[in-house]
Amino acid sequence: MRYLLDSNTLIEAKNRYYHMAICPGYWQWILHKNQTREIGSITMIADELLRGYDELRDWAADHAGIFVPITDAPTQEAFATVAAQVAAQSPRMKVGALEDFLSGADPWLIAKAMVTGAAVVTHEAFNPDVKRKFLIPNVCRHFGVQVLNTFELLHTLKAEFVLPG
């Protein structure tokens, strides 16, 4: 995969600008780009989406193949590296930030990106001063992992959603 999607990119798209009933082309585009191995995500992101009770849950269940496993040894080793780096930063963070970060999909998403050379697509923004939680872009920057948001991804891959006719 060249780009790994964070759950917030899918949730925001569904809730706001690419609602499944309004812009089905966006969701078809993701599936098409997954077939060409450009876009995907990880199984822990699928797990987050499957906890919902909406059409995004159904979409994730119907298209489980876009979510790659994190059980391979290189990803496990990269996760340990991410966890160690974040743990070293935890004294300057809010109490509980480390546990919150490590219990979710974010460190695994970063680890998979490190192993595969993929960029992470998220709506989180780099903020070196944040203390309340570990942000994907902050951790990615430390490891040299590229980060972009949905709109940068769409421009980069020259997405077009054209009505027939």
N, C-alpha and C. Protein backbone atom coordinates (compact mmCIF):
# COMPACT_ATOMS: atom_id res chain seq x y z
N MET A 1 0.84 -1.18 0.00
CA MET A 1 0.00 0.00 0.00
C MET A 1 0.88 1.25 0.00
N ARG A 2 0.46 2.21 -0.74
CA ARG A 2 1.17 3.49 -0.73
C ARG A 2 0.59 4.43 0.31
N TYR A 3 -0.71 4.27 0.63
CA TYR A 3 -1.40 5.15 1.57
C TYR A 3 -2.26 4.31 2.51
N LEU A 4 -2.13 4.57 3.81
CA LEU A 4 -2.92 3.87 4.82
C LEU A 4 -3.87 4.86 5.48
N LEU A 5 -5.15 4.53 5.48
CA LEU A 5 -6.19 5.43 5.98
C LEU A 5 -6.42 5.26 7.48
N ASP A 6 -6.45 6.39 8.17
CA ASP A 6 -6.87 6.42 9.57
C ASP A 6 -8.40 6.39 9.60
N SER A 7 -8.97 5.89 10.67
CA SER A 7 -10.43 5.80 10.76
C SER A 7 -11.10 7.16 10.65
N ASN A 8 -10.46 8.22 11.13
CA ASN A 8 -11.12 9.53 11.09
C ASN A 8 -11.35 10.01 9.67
N THR A 9 -10.54 9.58 8.71
CA THR A 9 -10.77 9.99 7.32
C THR A 9 -12.04 9.35 6.77
N LEU A 10 -12.29 8.12 7.14
CA LEU A 10 -13.49 7.42 6.68
C LEU A 10 -14.74 7.92 7.41
N ILE A 11 -14.61 8.11 8.71
CA ILE A 11 -15.75 8.58 9.50
C ILE A 11 -16.17 9.99 9.08
N GLU A 12 -15.20 10.89 8.94
CA GLU A 12 -15.51 12.26 8.50
C GLU A 12 -16.14 12.27 7.12
N ALA A 13 -15.60 11.47 6.21
CA ALA A 13 -16.16 11.41 4.85
C ALA A 13 -17.61 10.95 4.90
N LYS A 14 -17.86 9.91 5.66
CA LYS A 14 -19.23 9.39 5.77
C LYS A 14 -20.17 10.38 6.42
N ASN A 15 -19.71 11.08 7.44
CA ASN A 15 -20.57 11.99 8.19
C ASN A 15 -20.76 13.34 7.53
N ARG A 16 -19.83 13.73 6.65
CA ARG A 16 -19.87 15.09 6.14
C ARG A 16 -19.87 15.18 4.63
N TYR A 17 -18.72 15.20 4.02
CA TYR A 17 -18.62 15.61 2.62
C TYR A 17 -18.75 14.50 1.59
N TYR A 18 -18.58 13.24 1.94
CA TYR A 18 -18.73 12.13 0.99
C TYR A 18 -19.69 11.08 1.53
N HIS A 19 -20.80 11.56 2.08
CA HIS A 19 -21.80 10.63 2.61
C HIS A 19 -22.09 9.57 1.56
N MET A 20 -22.29 8.36 1.98
CA MET A 20 -22.41 7.24 1.05
C MET A 20 -23.59 7.38 0.09
N ALA A 21 -24.67 8.01 0.55
CA ALA A 21 -25.83 8.20 -0.33
C ALA A 21 -25.63 9.36 -1.31
N ILE A 22 -24.77 10.29 -0.96
CA ILE A 22 -24.56 11.47 -1.79
C ILE A 22 -23.42 11.28 -2.78
N CYS A 23 -22.35 10.62 -2.35
CA CYS A 23 -21.16 10.48 -3.17
C CYS A 23 -20.64 9.04 -3.15
N PRO A 24 -21.41 8.12 -3.73
CA PRO A 24 -20.95 6.74 -3.74
C PRO A 24 -19.65 6.57 -4.54
N GLY A 25 -19.38 7.50 -5.44
CA GLY A 25 -18.15 7.44 -6.23
C GLY A 25 -16.90 7.49 -5.37
N TYR A 26 -16.95 8.20 -4.27
CA TYR A 26 -15.80 8.27 -3.36
C TYR A 26 -15.47 6.88 -2.81
N TRP A 27 -16.48 6.17 -2.39
CA TRP A 27 -16.30 4.86 -1.78
C TRP A 27 -15.88 3.83 -2.83
N GLN A 28 -16.40 3.96 -4.04
CA GLN A 28 -15.97 3.10 -5.15
C GLN A 28 -14.51 3.40 -5.51
N TRP A 29 -14.14 4.67 -5.45
CA TRP A 29 -12.77 5.08 -5.74
C TRP A 29 -11.80 4.44 -4.74
N ILE A 30 -12.15 4.44 -3.46
CA ILE A 30 -11.30 3.80 -2.44
C ILE A 30 -11.12 2.32 -2.79
N LEU A 31 -12.20 1.65 -3.13
CA LEU A 31 -12.12 0.23 -3.47
C LEU A 31 -11.26 0.01 -4.72
N HIS A 32 -11.43 0.86 -5.72
CA HIS A 32 -10.62 0.76 -6.93
C HIS A 32 -9.14 0.96 -6.61
N LYS A 33 -8.84 1.99 -5.81
CA LYS A 33 -7.45 2.26 -5.45
C LYS A 33 -6.87 1.16 -4.56
N ASN A 34 -7.73 0.47 -3.85
CA ASN A 34 -7.25 -0.68 -3.08
C ASN A 34 -6.88 -1.83 -4.00
N GLN A 35 -7.65 -2.02 -5.05
CA GLN A 35 -7.33 -3.09 -6.01
C GLN A 35 -5.99 -2.85 -6.68
N THR A 36 -5.61 -1.59 -6.85
CA THR A 36 -4.31 -1.27 -7.45
C THR A 36 -3.22 -1.12 -6.40
N ARG A 37 -3.55 -1.49 -5.14
CA ARG A 37 -2.61 -1.49 -4.01
C ARG A 37 -2.12 -0.10 -3.64
N GLU A 38 -2.92 0.92 -3.93
CA GLU A 38 -2.52 2.27 -3.56
C GLU A 38 -3.09 2.69 -2.21
N ILE A 39 -4.29 2.27 -1.90
CA ILE A 39 -4.97 2.69 -0.67
C ILE A 39 -5.43 1.46 0.10
N GLY A 40 -5.28 1.53 1.41
CA GLY A 40 -5.79 0.49 2.28
C GLY A 40 -5.78 0.99 3.71
N SER A 41 -5.93 0.08 4.61
CA SER A 41 -5.84 0.40 6.03
C SER A 41 -5.46 -0.89 6.75
N ILE A 42 -5.60 -0.88 8.05
CA ILE A 42 -5.22 -2.05 8.84
C ILE A 42 -6.43 -2.63 9.56
N THR A 43 -6.29 -3.86 10.00
CA THR A 43 -7.41 -4.55 10.63
C THR A 43 -7.90 -3.85 11.90
N MET A 44 -7.02 -3.17 12.61
CA MET A 44 -7.47 -2.46 13.83
C MET A 44 -8.38 -1.29 13.49
N ILE A 45 -8.18 -0.68 12.34
CA ILE A 45 -9.09 0.38 11.88
C ILE A 45 -10.45 -0.25 11.57
N ALA A 46 -10.43 -1.40 10.90
CA ALA A 46 -11.70 -2.11 10.65
C ALA A 46 -12.41 -2.40 11.95
N ASP A 47 -11.67 -2.85 12.96
CA ASP A 47 -12.27 -3.13 14.26
C ASP A 47 -12.97 -1.90 14.83
N GLU A 48 -12.34 -0.73 14.69
CA GLU A 48 -12.96 0.51 15.17
C GLU A 48 -14.27 0.78 14.42
N LEU A 49 -14.24 0.62 13.11
CA LEU A 49 -15.42 0.90 12.30
C LEU A 49 -16.54 -0.10 12.57
N LEU A 50 -16.17 -1.34 12.84
CA LEU A 50 -17.17 -2.39 13.07
C LEU A 50 -17.88 -2.24 14.41
N ARG A 51 -17.38 -1.37 15.27
CA ARG A 51 -18.06 -1.10 16.54
C ARG A 51 -19.25 -0.16 16.36
N GLY A 52 -19.35 0.47 15.19
CA GLY A 52 -20.45 1.38 14.92
C GLY A 52 -21.71 0.63 14.50
N TYR A 53 -22.77 1.38 14.33
CA TYR A 53 -24.04 0.82 13.89
C TYR A 53 -24.59 1.68 12.76
N ASP A 54 -23.87 1.70 11.65
CA ASP A 54 -24.27 2.55 10.53
C ASP A 54 -23.77 1.97 9.23
N GLU A 55 -23.96 2.71 8.15
CA GLU A 55 -23.56 2.22 6.84
C GLU A 55 -22.04 2.08 6.69
N LEU A 56 -21.26 2.81 7.46
CA LEU A 56 -19.81 2.66 7.40
C LEU A 56 -19.40 1.30 8.00
N ARG A 57 -20.09 0.90 9.03
CA ARG A 57 -19.85 -0.42 9.60
C ARG A 57 -20.13 -1.49 8.55
N ASP A 58 -21.26 -1.36 7.87
CA ASP A 58 -21.63 -2.34 6.84
C ASP A 58 -20.60 -2.33 5.70
N TRP A 59 -20.16 -1.15 5.30
CA TRP A 59 -19.17 -1.02 4.23
C TRP A 59 -17.87 -1.70 4.63
N ALA A 60 -17.42 -1.45 5.85
CA ALA A 60 -16.17 -2.06 6.33
C ALA A 60 -16.32 -3.59 6.39
N ALA A 61 -17.46 -4.07 6.83
CA ALA A 61 -17.69 -5.51 6.90
C ALA A 61 -17.72 -6.13 5.50
N ASP A 62 -18.34 -5.43 4.56
CA ASP A 62 -18.45 -5.94 3.19
C ASP A 62 -17.13 -5.89 2.43
N HIS A 63 -16.21 -5.04 2.87
CA HIS A 63 -14.95 -4.85 2.14
C HIS A 63 -13.75 -5.08 3.07
N ALA A 64 -13.82 -6.14 3.82
CA ALA A 64 -12.77 -6.43 4.81
C ALA A 64 -11.40 -6.58 4.17
N GLY A 65 -11.34 -6.88 2.90
CA GLY A 65 -10.07 -7.08 2.22
C GLY A 65 -9.20 -5.85 2.12
N ILE A 66 -9.77 -4.67 2.32
CA ILE A 66 -8.92 -3.47 2.25
C ILE A 66 -8.14 -3.25 3.54
N PHE A 67 -8.45 -4.03 4.55
CA PHE A 67 -7.79 -3.89 5.85
C PHE A 67 -6.75 -4.99 6.02
N VAL A 68 -5.49 -4.61 5.98
CA VAL A 68 -4.40 -5.58 6.03
C VAL A 68 -4.04 -5.94 7.47
N PRO A 69 -3.57 -7.16 7.68
CA PRO A 69 -3.23 -7.60 9.04
C PRO A 69 -1.98 -6.90 9.58
N ILE A 70 -1.89 -6.91 10.89
CA ILE A 70 -0.74 -6.31 11.59
C ILE A 70 0.04 -7.37 12.35
N THR A 71 -0.24 -8.62 12.06
CA THR A 71 0.35 -9.72 12.82
C THR A 71 1.73 -10.14 12.33
N ASP A 72 2.19 -9.57 11.22
CA ASP A 72 3.50 -9.95 10.70
C ASP A 72 4.61 -9.45 11.63
N ALA A 73 5.72 -10.16 11.64
CA ALA A 73 6.83 -9.84 12.54
C ALA A 73 7.39 -8.43 12.33
N PRO A 74 7.59 -7.97 11.09
CA PRO A 74 8.12 -6.61 10.92
C PRO A 74 7.20 -5.53 11.53
N THR A 75 5.88 -5.69 11.37
CA THR A 75 4.96 -4.71 11.96
C THR A 75 4.99 -4.79 13.48
N GLN A 76 5.07 -5.99 14.01
CA GLN A 76 5.15 -6.16 15.47
C GLN A 76 6.41 -5.47 16.02
N GLU A 77 7.54 -5.64 15.32
CA GLU A 77 8.79 -5.00 15.74
C GLU A 77 8.70 -3.48 15.63
N ALA A 78 8.09 -3.00 14.55
CA ALA A 78 7.94 -1.55 14.38
C ALA A 78 7.03 -0.98 15.47
N PHE A 79 5.98 -1.73 15.83
CA PHE A 79 5.11 -1.29 16.91
C PHE A 79 5.91 -1.13 18.21
N ALA A 80 6.78 -2.07 18.50
CA ALA A 80 7.60 -1.99 19.71
C ALA A 80 8.47 -0.74 19.67
N THR A 81 8.99 -0.40 18.51
CA THR A 81 9.80 0.81 18.36
C THR A 81 8.96 2.06 18.59
N VAL A 82 7.76 2.08 18.01
CA VAL A 82 6.84 3.22 18.21
C VAL A 82 6.48 3.33 19.68
N ALA A 83 6.13 2.22 20.30
CA ALA A 83 5.74 2.24 21.72
C ALA A 83 6.87 2.75 22.60
N ALA A 84 8.10 2.35 22.33
CA ALA A 84 9.24 2.80 23.13
C ALA A 84 9.47 4.29 22.97
N GLN A 85 9.34 4.79 21.74
CA GLN A 85 9.56 6.22 21.50
C GLN A 85 8.47 7.05 22.19
N VAL A 86 7.25 6.60 22.09
CA VAL A 86 6.13 7.32 22.71
C VAL A 86 6.25 7.26 24.23
N ALA A 87 6.62 6.11 24.75
CA ALA A 87 6.79 5.97 26.20
C ALA A 87 7.86 6.94 26.71
N ALA A 88 8.91 7.13 25.94
CA ALA A 88 9.96 8.07 26.35
C ALA A 88 9.45 9.50 26.40
N GLN A 89 8.41 9.81 25.62
CA GLN A 89 7.84 11.16 25.60
C GLN A 89 6.71 11.34 26.61
N SER A 90 6.24 10.26 27.19
CA SER A 90 5.05 10.33 28.03
C SER A 90 5.16 11.21 29.28
N PRO A 91 6.35 11.41 29.88
CA PRO A 91 6.39 12.26 31.06
C PRO A 91 5.93 13.71 30.81
N ARG A 92 6.04 14.16 29.58
CA ARG A 92 5.62 15.53 29.27
C ARG A 92 4.15 15.62 28.84
N MET A 93 3.49 14.47 28.81
CA MET A 93 2.10 14.42 28.35
C MET A 93 1.13 14.31 29.52
N LYS A 94 -0.13 14.53 29.22
CA LYS A 94 -1.21 14.37 30.19
C LYS A 94 -1.22 12.93 30.70
N VAL A 95 -1.56 12.74 31.95
CA VAL A 95 -1.68 11.41 32.52
C VAL A 95 -2.70 10.61 31.71
N GLY A 96 -2.33 9.42 31.33
CA GLY A 96 -3.21 8.55 30.56
C GLY A 96 -3.03 8.63 29.06
N ALA A 97 -2.29 9.62 28.57
CA ALA A 97 -2.11 9.78 27.12
C ALA A 97 -1.40 8.58 26.51
N LEU A 98 -0.40 8.07 27.20
CA LEU A 98 0.34 6.91 26.69
C LEU A 98 -0.57 5.70 26.57
N GLU A 99 -1.31 5.40 27.61
CA GLU A 99 -2.20 4.25 27.60
C GLU A 99 -3.28 4.39 26.52
N ASP A 100 -3.84 5.59 26.38
CA ASP A 100 -4.85 5.82 25.34
C ASP A 100 -4.27 5.56 23.96
N PHE A 101 -3.08 6.08 23.71
CA PHE A 101 -2.46 5.93 22.39
C PHE A 101 -2.15 4.47 22.10
N LEU A 102 -1.53 3.79 23.05
CA LEU A 102 -1.11 2.41 22.81
C LEU A 102 -2.28 1.43 22.74
N SER A 103 -3.43 1.80 23.28
CA SER A 103 -4.58 0.89 23.26
C SER A 103 -5.38 0.99 21.97
N GLY A 104 -5.07 1.96 21.13
CA GLY A 104 -5.83 2.15 19.90
C GLY A 104 -5.09 1.69 18.66
N ALA A 105 -5.63 2.02 17.53
CA ALA A 105 -5.08 1.61 16.23
C ALA A 105 -3.91 2.50 15.77
N ASP A 106 -3.81 3.71 16.29
CA ASP A 106 -2.83 4.66 15.77
C ASP A 106 -1.39 4.15 15.75
N PRO A 107 -0.87 3.59 16.84
CA PRO A 107 0.53 3.13 16.77
C PRO A 107 0.72 1.99 15.78
N TRP A 108 -0.30 1.18 15.61
CA TRP A 108 -0.23 0.08 14.64
C TRP A 108 -0.26 0.61 13.21
N LEU A 109 -1.04 1.64 12.98
CA LEU A 109 -1.10 2.28 11.67
C LEU A 109 0.27 2.85 11.31
N ILE A 110 0.89 3.50 12.27
CA ILE A 110 2.23 4.07 12.06
C ILE A 110 3.24 2.95 11.84
N ALA A 111 3.16 1.90 12.63
CA ALA A 111 4.09 0.78 12.48
C ALA A 111 3.97 0.14 11.10
N LYS A 112 2.75 -0.06 10.63
CA LYS A 112 2.55 -0.65 9.31
C LYS A 112 3.10 0.28 8.23
N ALA A 113 2.91 1.58 8.40
CA ALA A 113 3.45 2.55 7.44
C ALA A 113 4.98 2.50 7.43
N MET A 114 5.58 2.38 8.59
CA MET A 114 7.04 2.29 8.68
C MET A 114 7.55 1.07 7.92
N VAL A 115 6.87 -0.05 8.06
CA VAL A 115 7.30 -1.30 7.46
C VAL A 115 7.09 -1.30 5.95
N THR A 116 6.00 -0.71 5.50
CA THR A 116 5.65 -0.77 4.08
C THR A 116 6.11 0.44 3.29
N GLY A 117 6.55 1.49 3.99
CA GLY A 117 6.93 2.72 3.29
C GLY A 117 5.73 3.54 2.86
N ALA A 118 4.58 3.26 3.44
CA ALA A 118 3.35 3.98 3.09
C ALA A 118 3.28 5.32 3.81
N ALA A 119 2.45 6.19 3.29
CA ALA A 119 2.09 7.43 3.97
C ALA A 119 0.82 7.19 4.77
N VAL A 120 0.64 7.91 5.86
CA VAL A 120 -0.57 7.81 6.67
C VAL A 120 -1.49 8.96 6.29
N VAL A 121 -2.75 8.62 6.06
CA VAL A 121 -3.77 9.63 5.72
C VAL A 121 -4.64 9.80 6.96
N THR A 122 -4.63 11.01 7.50
CA THR A 122 -5.38 11.31 8.73
C THR A 122 -5.81 12.77 8.70
N HIS A 123 -6.81 13.09 9.51
CA HIS A 123 -7.20 14.49 9.66
C HIS A 123 -6.55 15.14 10.87
N GLU A 124 -5.77 14.39 11.60
CA GLU A 124 -5.00 14.99 12.69
C GLU A 124 -3.92 15.89 12.07
N ALA A 125 -3.59 16.96 12.76
CA ALA A 125 -2.58 17.91 12.27
C ALA A 125 -1.38 17.92 13.21
N PHE A 126 -0.22 18.11 12.64
CA PHE A 126 1.01 18.20 13.43
C PHE A 126 0.90 19.36 14.41
N ASN A 127 1.23 19.09 15.66
CA ASN A 127 1.22 20.12 16.70
C ASN A 127 2.26 19.72 17.76
N PRO A 128 3.46 20.28 17.68
CA PRO A 128 4.51 19.88 18.60
C PRO A 128 4.25 20.28 20.06
N ASP A 129 3.28 21.16 20.28
CA ASP A 129 3.01 21.65 21.63
C ASP A 129 1.90 20.90 22.36
N VAL A 130 1.23 19.99 21.68
CA VAL A 130 0.11 19.30 22.29
C VAL A 130 0.59 18.41 23.44
N LYS A 131 -0.18 18.39 24.51
CA LYS A 131 0.16 17.60 25.70
C LYS A 131 -0.96 16.63 26.09
N ARG A 132 -2.14 16.81 25.53
CA ARG A 132 -3.29 16.02 25.95
C ARG A 132 -3.32 14.62 25.36
N LYS A 133 -2.72 14.46 24.15
CA LYS A 133 -2.71 13.15 23.51
C LYS A 133 -1.59 13.09 22.49
N PHE A 134 -1.19 11.88 22.16
CA PHE A 134 -0.20 11.68 21.12
C PHE A 134 -0.90 11.76 19.77
N LEU A 135 -0.38 12.59 18.90
CA LEU A 135 -0.97 12.77 17.58
C LEU A 135 -0.19 11.97 16.53
N ILE A 136 -0.92 11.38 15.62
CA ILE A 136 -0.29 10.61 14.55
C ILE A 136 0.79 11.42 13.83
N PRO A 137 0.51 12.66 13.39
CA PRO A 137 1.55 13.39 12.65
C PRO A 137 2.81 13.66 13.47
N ASN A 138 2.67 13.87 14.77
CA ASN A 138 3.84 14.09 15.62
C ASN A 138 4.72 12.84 15.67
N VAL A 139 4.09 11.70 15.87
CA VAL A 139 4.84 10.44 15.95
C VAL A 139 5.42 10.10 14.58
N CYS A 140 4.64 10.29 13.53
CA CYS A 140 5.12 10.00 12.18
C CYS A 140 6.34 10.85 11.83
N ARG A 141 6.31 12.10 12.21
CA ARG A 141 7.44 12.97 11.90
C ARG A 141 8.73 12.42 12.52
N HIS A 142 8.63 11.94 13.74
CA HIS A 142 9.81 11.38 14.41
C HIS A 142 10.41 10.22 13.60
N PHE A 143 9.53 9.43 12.97
CA PHE A 143 9.99 8.24 12.23
C PHE A 143 10.13 8.48 10.73
N GLY A 144 9.91 9.70 10.29
CA GLY A 144 10.06 10.01 8.87
C GLY A 144 8.95 9.45 8.00
N VAL A 145 7.78 9.23 8.58
CA VAL A 145 6.63 8.73 7.83
C VAL A 145 5.82 9.92 7.33
N GLN A 146 5.53 9.93 6.04
CA GLN A 146 4.75 11.01 5.44
C GLN A 146 3.31 10.97 5.94
N VAL A 147 2.73 12.15 6.14
CA VAL A 147 1.34 12.28 6.56
C VAL A 147 0.63 13.25 5.63
N LEU A 148 -0.58 12.89 5.24
CA LEU A 148 -1.42 13.83 4.48
C LEU A 148 -2.86 13.65 4.89
N ASN A 149 -3.69 14.60 4.49
CA ASN A 149 -5.11 14.48 4.80
C ASN A 149 -5.86 13.98 3.57
N THR A 150 -7.14 13.75 3.70
CA THR A 150 -7.95 13.21 2.61
C THR A 150 -7.83 14.05 1.35
N PHE A 151 -7.90 15.36 1.49
CA PHE A 151 -7.91 16.22 0.32
C PHE A 151 -6.56 16.24 -0.38
N GLU A 152 -5.49 16.17 0.38
CA GLU A 152 -4.16 16.05 -0.23
C GLU A 152 -4.03 14.71 -0.96
N LEU A 153 -4.60 13.66 -0.38
CA LEU A 153 -4.59 12.36 -1.04
C LEU A 153 -5.35 12.42 -2.36
N LEU A 154 -6.54 13.01 -2.33
CA LEU A 154 -7.34 13.10 -3.55
C LEU A 154 -6.60 13.86 -4.64
N HIS A 155 -5.93 14.95 -4.28
CA HIS A 155 -5.15 15.71 -5.27
C HIS A 155 -3.95 14.90 -5.76
N THR A 156 -3.26 14.26 -4.84
CA THR A 156 -2.07 13.48 -5.21
C THR A 156 -2.41 12.37 -6.19
N LEU A 157 -3.52 11.69 -5.95
CA LEU A 157 -3.92 10.58 -6.81
C LEU A 157 -4.84 11.01 -7.95
N LYS A 158 -5.05 12.33 -8.07
CA LYS A 158 -5.85 12.90 -9.16
C LYS A 158 -7.24 12.28 -9.24
N ALA A 159 -7.89 12.21 -8.10
CA ALA A 159 -9.24 11.64 -8.05
C ALA A 159 -10.22 12.53 -8.80
N GLU A 160 -11.17 11.89 -9.48
CA GLU A 160 -12.24 12.61 -10.15
C GLU A 160 -13.55 11.86 -9.89
N PHE A 161 -14.55 12.59 -9.46
CA PHE A 161 -15.88 12.02 -9.27
C PHE A 161 -16.79 12.73 -10.25
N VAL A 162 -16.99 12.11 -11.39
CA VAL A 162 -17.71 12.75 -12.50
C VAL A 162 -19.05 12.09 -12.68
N LEU A 163 -20.08 12.91 -12.83
CA LEU A 163 -21.41 12.37 -13.08
C LEU A 163 -21.51 11.87 -14.52
N PRO A 164 -22.20 10.75 -14.72
CA PRO A 164 -22.35 10.26 -16.09
C PRO A 164 -23.22 11.20 -16.91
N GLY A 165 -22.93 11.23 -18.19
CA GLY A 165 -23.87 11.95 -18.99
C GLY A 165 -23.39 12.98 -19.85
